[in-house]
C-alpha atoms as a PDB file:
ATOM      1  CA  MET A   1       0.000   0.000   0.000  1.00  0.00           C
ATOM      2  CA  LEU A   2       1.476   3.310  -1.115  1.00  0.00           C
ATOM      3  CA  LYS A   3       1.589   5.927   1.635  1.00  0.00           C
ATOM      4  CA  HIS A   4       1.037   9.437   0.334  1.00  0.00           C
ATOM      5  CA  ARG A   5       3.669  11.407   2.229  1.00  0.00           C
ATOM      6  CA  GLY A   6       2.695  14.983   2.945  1.00  0.00           C
ATOM      7  CA  PHE A   7      -1.027  14.334   2.504  1.00  0.00           C
ATOM      8  CA  PRO A   8      -3.010  15.673   5.504  1.00  0.00           C
ATOM      9  CA  GLY A   9      -4.207  12.963   7.877  1.00  0.00           C
ATOM     10  CA  ARG A  10      -7.520  14.624   8.629  1.00  0.00           C
ATOM     11  CA  LEU A  11      -9.521  17.838   8.413  1.00  0.00           C
ATOM     12  CA  PRO A  12      -7.851  20.139  10.962  1.00  0.00           C
ATOM     13  CA  GLY A  13      -9.746  20.389  14.232  1.00  0.00           C
ATOM     14  CA  THR A  14     -12.034  17.425  13.478  1.00  0.00           C
ATOM     15  CA  ASP A  15     -12.098  13.630  13.453  1.00  0.00           C
ATOM     16  CA  PHE A  16     -12.780  13.438   9.698  1.00  0.00           C
ATOM     17  CA  GLN A  17      -9.861  11.301   8.517  1.00  0.00           C
ATOM     18  CA  TYR A  18      -8.327  11.480   5.060  1.00  0.00           C
ATOM     19  CA  ILE A  19      -5.776   8.662   5.223  1.00  0.00           C
ATOM     20  CA  ILE A  20      -5.421   5.298   6.903  1.00  0.00           C
ATOM     21  CA  ARG A  21      -2.290   4.256   8.783  1.00  0.00           C
ATOM     22  CA  ARG A  22      -2.099   0.605   7.733  1.00  0.00           C
ATOM     23  CA  PRO A  23      -3.897  -1.885   5.503  1.00  0.00           C
ATOM     24  CA  ASN A  24      -7.058  -3.424   6.929  1.00  0.00           C
ATOM     25  CA  PRO A  25      -6.192  -6.976   8.043  1.00  0.00           C
ATOM     26  CA  LYS A  26      -9.772  -8.109   7.310  1.00  0.00           C
ATOM     27  CA  GLY A  27      -9.558  -6.981   3.688  1.00  0.00           C
ATOM     28  CA  VAL A  28      -9.559  -3.806   1.655  1.00  0.00           C
ATOM     29  CA  THR A  29     -12.539  -1.509   2.135  1.00  0.00           C
ATOM     30  CA  PRO A  30     -14.074  -1.040  -1.322  1.00  0.00           C
ATOM     31  CA  ILE A  31     -14.638   2.388  -2.856  1.00  0.00           C
ATOM     32  CA  THR A  32     -18.310   2.874  -3.710  1.00  0.00           C
ATOM     33  CA  LYS A  33     -20.308   5.803  -5.027  1.00  0.00           C
ATOM     34  CA  ARG A  34     -22.154   7.444  -2.123  1.00  0.00           C
ATOM     35  CA  GLU A  35     -25.056   9.790  -2.700  1.00  0.00           C
ATOM     36  CA  ARG A  36     -24.581  13.290  -1.256  1.00  0.00           C
ATOM     37  CA  TYR A  37     -27.931  14.692  -0.213  1.00  0.00           C
ATOM     38  CA  ARG A  38     -28.592  18.406   0.209  1.00  0.00           C
ATOM     39  CA  ASP A  39     -29.367  18.050   3.919  1.00  0.00           C
ATOM     40  CA  ARG A  40     -25.867  16.829   4.840  1.00  0.00           C
ATOM     41  CA  ARG A  41     -24.336  18.449   7.879  1.00  0.00           C
ATOM     42  CA  PRO A  42     -22.129  21.491   7.268  1.00  0.00           C
ATOM     43  CA  ALA A  43     -19.193  19.675   8.900  1.00  0.00           C
ATOM     44  CA  ASP A  44     -19.532  16.831   6.374  1.00  0.00           C
ATOM     45  CA  LYS A  45     -19.550  19.331   3.516  1.00  0.00           C
ATOM     46  CA  ARG A  46     -16.408  21.020   4.905  1.00  0.00           C
ATOM     47  CA  ALA A  47     -14.706  17.621   5.156  1.00  0.00           C
ATOM     48  CA  ASP A  48     -15.498  16.894   1.494  1.00  0.00           C
ATOM     49  CA  ALA A  49     -14.228  20.316   0.402  1.00  0.00           C
ATOM     50  CA  GLY A  50     -11.072  19.966   2.503  1.00  0.00           C
ATOM     51  CA  PHE A  51     -10.396  16.513   1.080  1.00  0.00           C
ATOM     52  CA  MET A  52     -10.871  17.781  -2.475  1.00  0.00           C
ATOM     53  CA  LYS A  53      -8.481  20.667  -1.772  1.00  0.00           C
ATOM     54  CA  ALA A  54      -5.878  18.231  -0.415  1.00  0.00           C
ATOM     55  CA  LEU A  55      -6.286  15.964  -3.463  1.00  0.00           C
ATOM     56  CA  TRP A  56      -5.892  18.929  -5.814  1.00  0.00           C
ATOM     57  CA  GLU A  57      -2.821  20.296  -4.014  1.00  0.00           C
ATOM     58  CA  CYS A  58      -1.170  16.883  -3.903  1.00  0.00           C
ATOM     59  CA  PHE A  59      -2.073  15.429  -7.325  1.00  0.00           C
ATOM     60  CA  GLY A  60      -3.552  18.172  -9.511  1.00  0.00           C
ATOM     61  CA  ASP A  61      -5.000  16.769 -12.725  1.00  0.00           C
ATOM     62  CA  GLN A  62      -2.635  13.767 -12.762  1.00  0.00           C
ATOM     63  CA  PRO A  63      -3.694  10.164 -12.045  1.00  0.00           C
ATOM     64  CA  PHE A  64      -2.923   8.941  -8.538  1.00  0.00           C
ATOM     65  CA  GLU A  65      -2.869   5.638  -6.735  1.00  0.00           C
ATOM     66  CA  ARG A  66      -5.502   5.027  -4.074  1.00  0.00           C
ATOM     67  CA  GLY A  67      -2.833   3.887  -1.608  1.00  0.00           C
ATOM     68  CA  ASN A  68      -3.596   4.910   1.957  1.00  0.00           C
ATOM     69  CA  LEU A  69      -6.367   7.389   1.091  1.00  0.00           C
ATOM     70  CA  ASP A  70      -9.489   6.695   3.155  1.00  0.00           C
ATOM     71  CA  ALA A  71     -12.061   4.693   1.179  1.00  0.00           C
ATOM     72  CA  GLY A  72     -14.977   6.248   3.028  1.00  0.00           C
ATOM     73  CA  ARG A  73     -13.888   9.796   2.216  1.00  0.00           C
ATOM     74  CA  LEU A  74     -13.084   8.859  -1.399  1.00  0.00           C
ATOM     75  CA  SER A  75     -16.522   7.263  -1.739  1.00  0.00           C
ATOM     76  CA  TRP A  76     -18.223  10.619  -1.162  1.00  0.00           C
ATOM     77  CA  LEU A  77     -16.433  11.980  -4.265  1.00  0.00           C
ATOM     78  CA  PHE A  78     -16.152   8.830  -6.380  1.00  0.00           C
ATOM     79  CA  GLY A  79     -18.000   8.754  -9.686  1.00  0.00           C
ATOM     80  CA  ARG A  80     -18.333  12.538  -9.793  1.00  0.00           C
ATOM     81  CA  GLU A  81     -15.289  14.609  -8.808  1.00  0.00           C
ATOM     82  CA  VAL A  82     -12.931  11.615  -8.603  1.00  0.00           C
ATOM     83  CA  VAL A  83     -13.153   8.978 -11.328  1.00  0.00           C
ATOM     84  CA  ALA A  84     -11.420   5.709 -12.101  1.00  0.00           C
ATOM     85  CA  VAL A  85      -8.547   5.589 -14.575  1.00  0.00           C
ATOM     86  CA  ASP A  86      -8.417   1.791 -14.743  1.00  0.00           C
ATOM     87  CA  ASP A  87     -10.889  -0.140 -16.854  1.00  0.00           C
ATOM     88  CA  PRO A  88     -12.020  -2.386 -15.331  1.00  0.00           C
ATOM     89  CA  PHE A  89     -11.744  -0.586 -11.993  1.00  0.00           C
ATOM     90  CA  ASP A  90     -11.008  -2.680  -8.908  1.00  0.00           C
ATOM     91  CA  PRO A  91     -12.691  -0.914  -5.956  1.00  0.00           C
ATOM     92  CA  GLU A  92     -10.864  -3.196  -3.506  1.00  0.00           C
ATOM     93  CA  SER A  93      -7.295  -2.549  -4.629  1.00  0.00           C
ATOM     94  CA  TYR A  94      -4.862  -0.163  -2.973  1.00  0.00           C
ATOM     95  CA  ASP A  95      -3.147   0.027  -6.389  1.00  0.00           C
ATOM     96  CA  SER A  96      -6.210   1.339  -8.291  1.00  0.00           C
ATOM     97  CA  LEU A  97      -5.640   4.555 -10.196  1.00  0.00           C
ATOM     98  CA  LEU A  98      -7.953   7.547  -9.807  1.00  0.00           C
ATOM     99  CA  VAL A  99      -8.003  11.049 -11.243  1.00  0.00           C
ATOM    100  CA  ILE A 100      -9.832  14.283 -10.452  1.00  0.00           C
ATOM    101  CA  ASP A 101     -12.458  15.311 -13.018  1.00  0.00           C
ATOM    102  CA  VAL A 102     -11.392  18.939 -12.809  1.00  0.00           C
ATOM    103  CA  ASP A 103     -14.477  20.487 -14.437  1.00  0.00           C
ATOM    104  CA  VAL A 104     -16.903  18.660 -12.135  1.00  0.00           C
ATOM    105  CA  ALA A 105     -14.715  19.264  -9.074  1.00  0.00           C
ATOM    106  CA  ARG A 106     -14.490  23.018  -9.748  1.00  0.00           C
ATOM    107  CA  ARG A 107     -18.279  23.240  -9.991  1.00  0.00           C
ATOM    108  CA  SER A 108     -18.835  21.181  -6.830  1.00  0.00           C
ATOM    109  CA  PHE A 109     -16.044  22.636  -4.668  1.00  0.00           C
ATOM    110  CA  PRO A 110     -14.952  26.034  -6.033  1.00  0.00           C
ATOM    111  CA  GLU A 111     -13.371  26.897  -2.666  1.00  0.00           C
ATOM    112  CA  ALA A 112     -10.925  24.005  -3.055  1.00  0.00           C
ATOM    113  CA  PHE A 113      -9.404  25.629  -6.146  1.00  0.00           C
ATOM    114  CA  GLU A 114      -9.028  29.184  -4.814  1.00  0.00           C
ATOM    115  CA  GLY A 115      -5.640  30.626  -4.022  1.00  0.00           C
END
């Protein structure tokens, strides 16, 4: 499992994690597409925006390996702002390649691309 050095571990001041420390001994948590409803808590929305900002600052528009990125947090963005590079995509592989769909991400999280 690739560890993304320099990637923030969590949203500052919260328990919303962005990375995992070690592989899950029970098996890899799959990445799935999660529906984001309008009534989500503001803290959840900030966590998504912070994660997108961290992804953008670390990887830009280049493909990246899932590695130690948290599957739960990725699942909130997967299929919209973050898409699979591999075809077929293996949602249970730490080696799967992903990429930011920049146009969709800018519309969804404009604050992540400022400054």
